[in-house]
Amino acid sequence: MNRVFTCCNGLFQVPDETLLSPFLNARDLNSGLDWDTLEGMGITAGQINPGVVSQIHVHPFTTLVTIILKGSLSIHMKDPGTPDIRYTLLLKHDPDPGNKGFGLAAALTLPGTFIQHDNSQGREPAQVLYLTSPAFVFEPGPTPESMPSYDDAIVVGKDWARLAREGWQPAELNDPSHSYAARRRAMNRLARKSYCRS
């Protein structure tokens, strides 16, 4: 494909309270990509501003890789189906030019993991790339102010203690609007909208 993809359409806030630009995610109409581009993965730029702690959320259908590009970011996670307690990973970009790893650090989040991005201690925005497999599905609502019609991320609040009391089975995860069937319906609608655009 004879094209350079840039992240220049600006960032928009998503329900978990972070900022995103899905510049290489064909399953998000905000990217402007044709539906058939990059079917198996998505790349989204993200920013978590200083003082921001995202909502806890779960991606039931996608694996997420978070790569830090600038700043630092704490990521709180609880793995699915294990008795393990919540843990925190610190991603820090190392700008030292002598670093042979380019100063990059990444975290891997498997489907079903509870995840929260935390830049409460940061002095600068944490800039990240999110890589998802398969591609993350996001269908905007009817107006820019409305909630998404479908979002692969299920937001479950900010209370880790509540989630533990509920045995890591909050009602939000059982909502039919977050089922695999709802995801398929959203993908069908997005495909039709994408083809109508071209």
Protein backbone atom coordinates (compact mmCIF):
# COMPACT_ATOMS: atom_id res chain seq x y z
CA MET A 1 0.00 0.00 0.00
CA ASN A 2 1.59 3.25 -1.15
CA ARG A 3 0.65 5.38 1.86
CA VAL A 4 2.18 6.78 5.04
CA PHE A 5 -0.16 6.53 8.01
CA THR A 6 0.06 9.36 10.51
CA CYS A 7 -1.64 10.01 13.79
CA CYS A 8 -2.82 13.50 12.89
CA ASN A 9 -6.60 13.40 13.34
CA GLY A 10 -6.30 14.24 17.02
CA LEU A 11 -7.16 12.23 20.11
CA PHE A 12 -10.63 11.61 21.48
CA GLN A 13 -11.69 10.48 24.94
CA VAL A 14 -13.06 6.95 25.31
CA PRO A 15 -15.22 5.54 28.14
CA ASP A 16 -12.21 4.44 30.23
CA GLU A 17 -11.22 8.18 30.38
CA THR A 18 -8.04 7.92 28.30
CA LEU A 19 -7.36 9.56 24.92
CA LEU A 20 -7.02 7.58 21.67
CA SER A 21 -6.38 7.87 17.95
CA PRO A 22 -7.09 4.60 16.09
CA PHE A 23 -4.94 5.53 13.12
CA LEU A 24 -4.23 1.91 12.09
CA ASN A 25 -7.34 0.05 13.26
CA ALA A 26 -9.72 -0.82 10.44
CA ARG A 27 -12.38 -2.00 12.92
CA ASP A 28 -12.86 1.58 14.16
CA LEU A 29 -14.62 3.99 11.79
CA ASN A 30 -12.65 6.87 13.31
CA SER A 31 -9.50 5.53 11.61
CA GLY A 32 -10.73 6.15 8.06
CA LEU A 33 -9.26 2.83 6.90
CA ASP A 34 -11.02 0.44 4.56
CA TRP A 35 -12.65 -2.46 6.40
CA ASP A 36 -10.40 -5.12 4.84
CA THR A 37 -7.15 -3.44 5.93
CA LEU A 38 -5.32 -5.12 8.85
CA GLU A 39 -8.10 -7.55 9.74
CA GLY A 40 -6.04 -9.46 12.30
CA MET A 41 -4.66 -6.56 14.29
CA GLY A 42 -5.13 -2.92 15.21
CA ILE A 43 -2.72 -0.16 16.20
CA THR A 44 -3.96 2.80 18.20
CA ALA A 45 -2.06 5.75 19.66
CA GLY A 46 -2.98 6.63 23.21
CA GLN A 47 -2.26 9.30 25.78
CA ILE A 48 -2.82 9.22 29.52
CA ASN A 49 -2.41 12.71 30.90
CA PRO A 50 -0.71 13.49 34.24
CA GLY A 51 -3.05 12.85 37.16
CA VAL A 52 -5.31 10.50 35.17
CA VAL A 53 -6.20 7.03 36.44
CA SER A 54 -8.39 5.22 33.91
CA GLN A 55 -11.47 3.21 34.66
CA ILE A 56 -10.79 -0.49 35.20
CA HIS A 57 -11.75 -2.32 32.04
CA VAL A 58 -11.64 -5.76 30.42
CA HIS A 59 -11.01 -6.74 26.81
CA PRO A 60 -12.73 -10.15 26.60
CA PHE A 61 -11.90 -10.81 22.94
CA THR A 62 -8.52 -9.18 22.28
CA THR A 63 -4.93 -9.49 23.40
CA LEU A 64 -3.44 -6.07 24.12
CA VAL A 65 0.20 -4.99 23.93
CA THR A 66 0.89 -1.56 25.46
CA ILE A 67 4.18 0.03 24.35
CA ILE A 68 5.41 3.17 26.11
CA LEU A 69 6.74 5.84 23.74
CA LYS A 70 7.13 8.78 26.14
CA GLY A 71 6.90 9.21 29.88
CA SER A 72 5.98 6.45 32.31
CA LEU A 73 2.81 4.56 33.13
CA SER A 74 1.71 2.19 35.88
CA ILE A 75 -0.57 -0.59 34.68
CA HIS A 76 -2.63 -2.39 37.32
CA MET A 77 -3.83 -5.84 36.23
CA LYS A 78 -5.63 -8.91 37.54
CA ASP A 79 -5.30 -12.01 35.40
CA PRO A 80 -8.49 -13.94 34.58
CA GLY A 81 -9.33 -17.26 36.19
CA THR A 82 -6.51 -17.25 38.74
CA PRO A 83 -6.45 -16.71 42.50
CA ASP A 84 -3.56 -14.28 42.00
CA ILE A 85 -3.96 -10.80 43.40
CA ARG A 86 -3.84 -7.60 41.41
CA TYR A 87 -0.33 -6.54 40.41
CA THR A 88 1.26 -3.43 38.92
CA LEU A 89 3.75 -3.10 36.07
CA LEU A 90 5.67 0.13 35.56
CA LEU A 91 6.39 1.03 31.95
CA LYS A 92 9.07 3.69 31.56
CA HIS A 93 10.46 5.09 28.36
CA ASP A 94 14.24 5.27 28.61
CA PRO A 95 15.38 8.15 26.38
CA ASP A 96 19.06 7.22 26.82
CA PRO A 97 20.39 7.03 23.24
CA GLY A 98 22.92 4.40 24.33
CA ASN A 99 20.13 1.98 25.17
CA LYS A 100 20.22 -0.75 22.54
CA GLY A 101 16.53 -1.54 23.05
CA PHE A 102 15.47 1.91 21.78
CA GLY A 103 14.23 2.76 25.29
CA LEU A 104 10.94 0.94 24.71
CA ALA A 105 9.05 -1.13 27.27
CA ALA A 106 5.82 -3.07 26.79
CA ALA A 107 3.15 -4.92 28.77
CA LEU A 108 1.11 -7.86 27.48
CA THR A 109 -2.53 -8.18 28.54
CA LEU A 110 -4.38 -11.39 27.69
CA PRO A 111 -8.14 -11.50 26.95
CA GLY A 112 -10.26 -11.28 30.10
CA THR A 113 -7.64 -9.44 32.18
CA PHE A 114 -8.79 -6.54 34.37
CA ILE A 115 -6.61 -3.54 33.48
CA GLN A 116 -6.22 0.05 34.65
CA HIS A 117 -3.82 2.69 33.28
CA ASP A 118 -2.43 4.98 35.98
CA ASN A 119 -0.48 8.19 35.37
CA SER A 120 -1.39 9.74 38.73
CA GLN A 121 2.28 10.25 39.61
CA GLY A 122 3.37 11.41 36.16
CA ARG A 123 4.70 14.86 35.35
CA GLU A 124 4.09 14.50 31.62
CA PRO A 125 1.60 12.70 29.41
CA ALA A 126 2.28 8.99 28.98
CA GLN A 127 2.20 8.34 25.24
CA VAL A 128 1.65 4.76 24.17
CA LEU A 129 0.93 2.52 21.23
CA TYR A 130 -1.74 -0.12 21.75
CA LEU A 131 -1.48 -3.20 19.53
CA THR A 132 -4.49 -5.51 19.60
CA SER A 133 -5.08 -8.92 18.10
CA PRO A 134 -7.56 -9.43 16.65
CA ALA A 135 -8.35 -5.83 15.71
CA PHE A 136 -10.19 -3.91 18.44
CA VAL A 137 -13.84 -3.28 17.54
CA PHE A 138 -15.22 0.19 18.32
CA GLU A 139 -18.49 1.53 16.92
CA PRO A 140 -19.15 5.20 17.75
CA GLY A 141 -22.56 6.23 19.01
CA PRO A 142 -24.99 8.20 16.85
CA THR A 143 -23.57 11.54 18.01
CA PRO A 144 -20.08 12.52 19.19
CA GLU A 145 -21.44 13.10 22.72
CA SER A 146 -23.16 9.71 23.03
CA MET A 147 -21.73 6.48 24.37
CA PRO A 148 -20.34 4.04 21.80
CA SER A 149 -22.81 1.67 20.18
CA TYR A 150 -20.23 -1.07 20.76
CA ASP A 151 -16.82 -1.09 22.46
CA ASP A 152 -14.56 -4.14 22.92
CA ALA A 153 -13.50 -2.62 26.26
CA ILE A 154 -15.95 -3.31 29.08
CA VAL A 155 -15.65 -0.58 31.73
CA VAL A 156 -16.22 -1.84 35.30
CA GLY A 157 -15.53 1.26 37.43
CA LYS A 158 -12.54 2.12 39.63
CA ASP A 159 -13.19 -0.01 42.71
CA TRP A 160 -10.82 -3.01 42.83
CA ALA A 161 -12.26 -4.05 46.23
CA ARG A 162 -15.77 -4.34 44.74
CA LEU A 163 -14.46 -6.55 41.93
CA ALA A 164 -12.74 -8.83 44.46
CA ARG A 165 -15.94 -9.02 46.59
CA GLU A 166 -17.85 -10.03 43.46
CA GLY A 167 -15.36 -12.82 42.75
CA TRP A 168 -14.12 -11.00 39.64
CA GLN A 169 -17.53 -11.56 38.02
CA PRO A 170 -19.11 -8.08 37.90
CA ALA A 171 -22.51 -7.75 36.25
CA GLU A 172 -20.99 -5.65 33.43
CA LEU A 173 -19.22 -8.74 32.07
CA ASN A 174 -22.55 -10.58 31.70
CA ASP A 175 -24.33 -7.75 29.88
CA PRO A 176 -25.60 -9.08 26.51
CA SER A 177 -24.44 -5.85 24.83
CA HIS A 178 -20.85 -7.05 25.49
CA SER A 179 -21.33 -10.61 24.20
CA TYR A 180 -19.52 -12.17 21.27
CA ALA A 181 -22.82 -12.04 19.33
CA ALA A 182 -23.03 -8.27 19.99
CA ARG A 183 -19.44 -7.95 18.74
CA ARG A 184 -20.32 -9.80 15.51
CA ARG A 185 -23.37 -7.57 14.97
CA ALA A 186 -21.22 -4.46 15.49
CA MET A 187 -18.65 -5.78 13.02
CA ASN A 188 -21.39 -6.35 10.43
CA ARG A 189 -22.70 -2.79 10.89
CA LEU A 190 -19.17 -1.35 10.72
CA ALA A 191 -18.42 -3.31 7.54
CA ARG A 192 -21.57 -1.93 5.88
CA LYS A 193 -20.71 1.64 6.94
CA SER A 194 -17.12 1.23 5.74
CA TYR A 195 -18.19 -0.06 2.33
CA CYS A 196 -20.76 2.76 1.99
CA ARG A 197 -17.97 5.27 2.64
CA SER A 198 -15.71 3.94 -0.12
